[in-house]
Amino acid sequence: MDYMAQKGTKRQFDIVELSNLTGIADMDIVATLFTYDMLAKEGEEYWIVMSEVCND
C-alpha cells in the first residue's frame, strides 16, 4: 500500500494495479488518493489560468 501512496502523490495511477487490490479499505484509500489527485490537478489548472490573466 505504501507503493500505491507514493505513486498517488506523483499522480501516476495504474489501472492494472488498482484492479489487483482486494480489500475494501485498500479501495477506499485509493479512491481518496484519486480524489486528492483530481483536486490538485484542478488547482493547478486554475493557477495557470490566473497566472495568464494576471501577466497580461
N, C-alpha and C. Protein backbone atom coordinates (compact mmCIF):
# COMPACT_ATOMS: atom_id res chain seq x y z
N MET A 1 0.82 -1.19 0.00
CA MET A 1 0.00 0.00 0.00
C MET A 1 0.87 1.25 0.00
N ASP A 2 2.04 1.20 0.62
CA ASP A 2 2.93 2.35 0.59
C ASP A 2 3.30 2.72 -0.84
N TYR A 3 3.51 1.69 -1.66
CA TYR A 3 3.88 1.92 -3.05
C TYR A 3 2.77 2.68 -3.77
N MET A 4 1.52 2.30 -3.52
CA MET A 4 0.39 2.98 -4.15
C MET A 4 0.31 4.43 -3.68
N ALA A 5 0.56 4.66 -2.40
CA ALA A 5 0.51 6.02 -1.87
C ALA A 5 1.59 6.88 -2.52
N GLN A 6 2.78 6.32 -2.69
CA GLN A 6 3.86 7.05 -3.34
C GLN A 6 3.50 7.35 -4.79
N LYS A 7 2.94 6.36 -5.48
CA LYS A 7 2.55 6.60 -6.87
C LYS A 7 1.46 7.66 -6.93
N GLY A 8 0.54 7.62 -5.94
CA GLY A 8 -0.56 8.58 -5.93
C GLY A 8 -0.08 10.01 -5.81
N THR A 9 0.95 10.23 -5.01
CA THR A 9 1.45 11.58 -4.85
C THR A 9 2.13 12.07 -6.12
N LYS A 10 2.55 11.16 -6.95
CA LYS A 10 3.16 11.53 -8.23
C LYS A 10 2.15 11.56 -9.36
N ARG A 11 0.87 11.34 -9.02
CA ARG A 11 -0.22 11.36 -9.98
C ARG A 11 -0.02 10.34 -11.09
N GLN A 12 0.35 9.14 -10.70
CA GLN A 12 0.53 8.07 -11.68
C GLN A 12 -0.27 6.86 -11.23
N PHE A 13 -1.54 6.86 -11.52
CA PHE A 13 -2.39 5.74 -11.14
C PHE A 13 -2.36 4.70 -12.23
N ASP A 14 -2.12 3.48 -11.83
CA ASP A 14 -2.04 2.38 -12.78
C ASP A 14 -3.30 1.53 -12.64
N ILE A 15 -4.13 1.50 -13.68
CA ILE A 15 -5.40 0.77 -13.62
C ILE A 15 -5.18 -0.71 -13.34
N VAL A 16 -4.12 -1.29 -13.87
CA VAL A 16 -3.85 -2.70 -13.62
C VAL A 16 -3.60 -2.94 -12.15
N GLU A 17 -2.82 -2.07 -11.52
CA GLU A 17 -2.55 -2.22 -10.09
C GLU A 17 -3.82 -1.99 -9.28
N LEU A 18 -4.64 -1.05 -9.67
CA LEU A 18 -5.88 -0.80 -8.94
C LEU A 18 -6.79 -2.01 -8.97
N SER A 19 -6.82 -2.70 -10.09
CA SER A 19 -7.71 -3.86 -10.22
C SER A 19 -7.21 -5.05 -9.40
N ASN A 20 -5.95 -5.03 -8.98
CA ASN A 20 -5.40 -6.13 -8.19
C ASN A 20 -5.66 -5.97 -6.69
N LEU A 21 -6.20 -4.85 -6.26
CA LEU A 21 -6.49 -4.66 -4.84
C LEU A 21 -7.67 -5.53 -4.43
N THR A 22 -7.59 -6.06 -3.21
CA THR A 22 -8.64 -7.00 -2.79
C THR A 22 -9.51 -6.46 -1.66
N GLY A 23 -8.98 -5.61 -0.80
CA GLY A 23 -9.75 -5.17 0.36
C GLY A 23 -10.54 -3.90 0.11
N ILE A 24 -11.65 -3.78 0.81
CA ILE A 24 -12.46 -2.57 0.70
C ILE A 24 -11.68 -1.37 1.23
N ALA A 25 -10.93 -1.58 2.31
CA ALA A 25 -10.13 -0.49 2.87
C ALA A 25 -9.09 -0.01 1.86
N ASP A 26 -8.48 -0.95 1.13
CA ASP A 26 -7.50 -0.57 0.11
C ASP A 26 -8.15 0.29 -0.96
N MET A 27 -9.33 -0.10 -1.40
CA MET A 27 -10.02 0.67 -2.44
C MET A 27 -10.39 2.05 -1.92
N ASP A 28 -10.76 2.15 -0.65
CA ASP A 28 -11.12 3.44 -0.07
C ASP A 28 -9.91 4.37 -0.07
N ILE A 29 -8.75 3.84 0.28
CA ILE A 29 -7.52 4.64 0.29
C ILE A 29 -7.20 5.11 -1.12
N VAL A 30 -7.30 4.22 -2.08
CA VAL A 30 -7.00 4.58 -3.46
C VAL A 30 -8.00 5.63 -3.96
N ALA A 31 -9.27 5.46 -3.63
CA ALA A 31 -10.29 6.44 -4.04
C ALA A 31 -9.99 7.80 -3.44
N THR A 32 -9.54 7.82 -2.18
CA THR A 32 -9.20 9.08 -1.53
C THR A 32 -8.01 9.73 -2.22
N LEU A 33 -6.98 8.94 -2.51
CA LEU A 33 -5.82 9.47 -3.21
C LEU A 33 -6.21 10.01 -4.57
N PHE A 34 -7.08 9.29 -5.27
CA PHE A 34 -7.52 9.72 -6.59
C PHE A 34 -8.28 11.04 -6.49
N THR A 35 -9.12 11.17 -5.46
CA THR A 35 -9.87 12.41 -5.26
C THR A 35 -8.92 13.58 -5.02
N TYR A 36 -7.94 13.38 -4.14
CA TYR A 36 -6.96 14.44 -3.90
C TYR A 36 -6.18 14.77 -5.16
N ASP A 37 -5.87 13.75 -5.94
CA ASP A 37 -5.15 13.93 -7.19
C ASP A 37 -5.94 14.83 -8.14
N MET A 38 -7.23 14.56 -8.27
CA MET A 38 -8.07 15.35 -9.17
C MET A 38 -8.20 16.79 -8.66
N LEU A 39 -8.33 16.96 -7.36
CA LEU A 39 -8.41 18.31 -6.79
C LEU A 39 -7.12 19.08 -7.03
N ALA A 40 -5.99 18.39 -6.90
CA ALA A 40 -4.70 19.03 -7.13
C ALA A 40 -4.58 19.48 -8.59
N LYS A 41 -5.04 18.63 -9.51
CA LYS A 41 -4.98 19.00 -10.93
C LYS A 41 -5.86 20.21 -11.21
N GLU A 42 -7.06 20.24 -10.62
CA GLU A 42 -7.96 21.38 -10.82
C GLU A 42 -7.32 22.65 -10.27
N GLY A 43 -6.66 22.54 -9.12
CA GLY A 43 -5.99 23.70 -8.53
C GLY A 43 -4.88 24.21 -9.41
N GLU A 44 -4.11 23.31 -10.00
CA GLU A 44 -3.03 23.71 -10.90
C GLU A 44 -3.57 24.39 -12.14
N GLU A 45 -4.65 23.84 -12.71
CA GLU A 45 -5.24 24.44 -13.90
C GLU A 45 -5.75 25.84 -13.59
N TYR A 46 -6.37 26.00 -12.44
CA TYR A 46 -6.88 27.30 -12.02
C TYR A 46 -5.73 28.29 -11.83
N TRP A 47 -4.65 27.81 -11.23
CA TRP A 47 -3.48 28.67 -11.00
C TRP A 47 -2.87 29.12 -12.33
N ILE A 48 -2.81 28.21 -13.30
CA ILE A 48 -2.26 28.55 -14.61
C ILE A 48 -3.12 29.62 -15.28
N VAL A 49 -4.43 29.46 -15.23
CA VAL A 49 -5.33 30.45 -15.82
C VAL A 49 -5.16 31.80 -15.14
N MET A 50 -5.11 31.80 -13.81
CA MET A 50 -4.94 33.06 -13.08
C MET A 50 -3.60 33.71 -13.42
N SER A 51 -2.57 32.92 -13.58
CA SER A 51 -1.26 33.46 -13.92
C SER A 51 -1.28 34.12 -15.29
N GLU A 52 -1.95 33.48 -16.24
CA GLU A 52 -2.02 34.03 -17.59
C GLU A 52 -2.80 35.34 -17.60
N VAL A 53 -3.87 35.42 -16.84
CA VAL A 53 -4.69 36.63 -16.78
C VAL A 53 -3.92 37.76 -16.11
N CYS A 54 -3.24 37.45 -15.02
CA CYS A 54 -2.52 38.48 -14.26
C CYS A 54 -1.29 38.98 -14.99
N ASN A 55 -0.72 38.21 -15.86
CA ASN A 55 0.51 38.60 -16.54
C ASN A 55 0.26 39.38 -17.83
N ASP A 56 -0.99 39.51 -18.23
CA ASP A 56 -1.28 40.23 -19.48
C ASP A 56 -1.13 41.72 -19.32
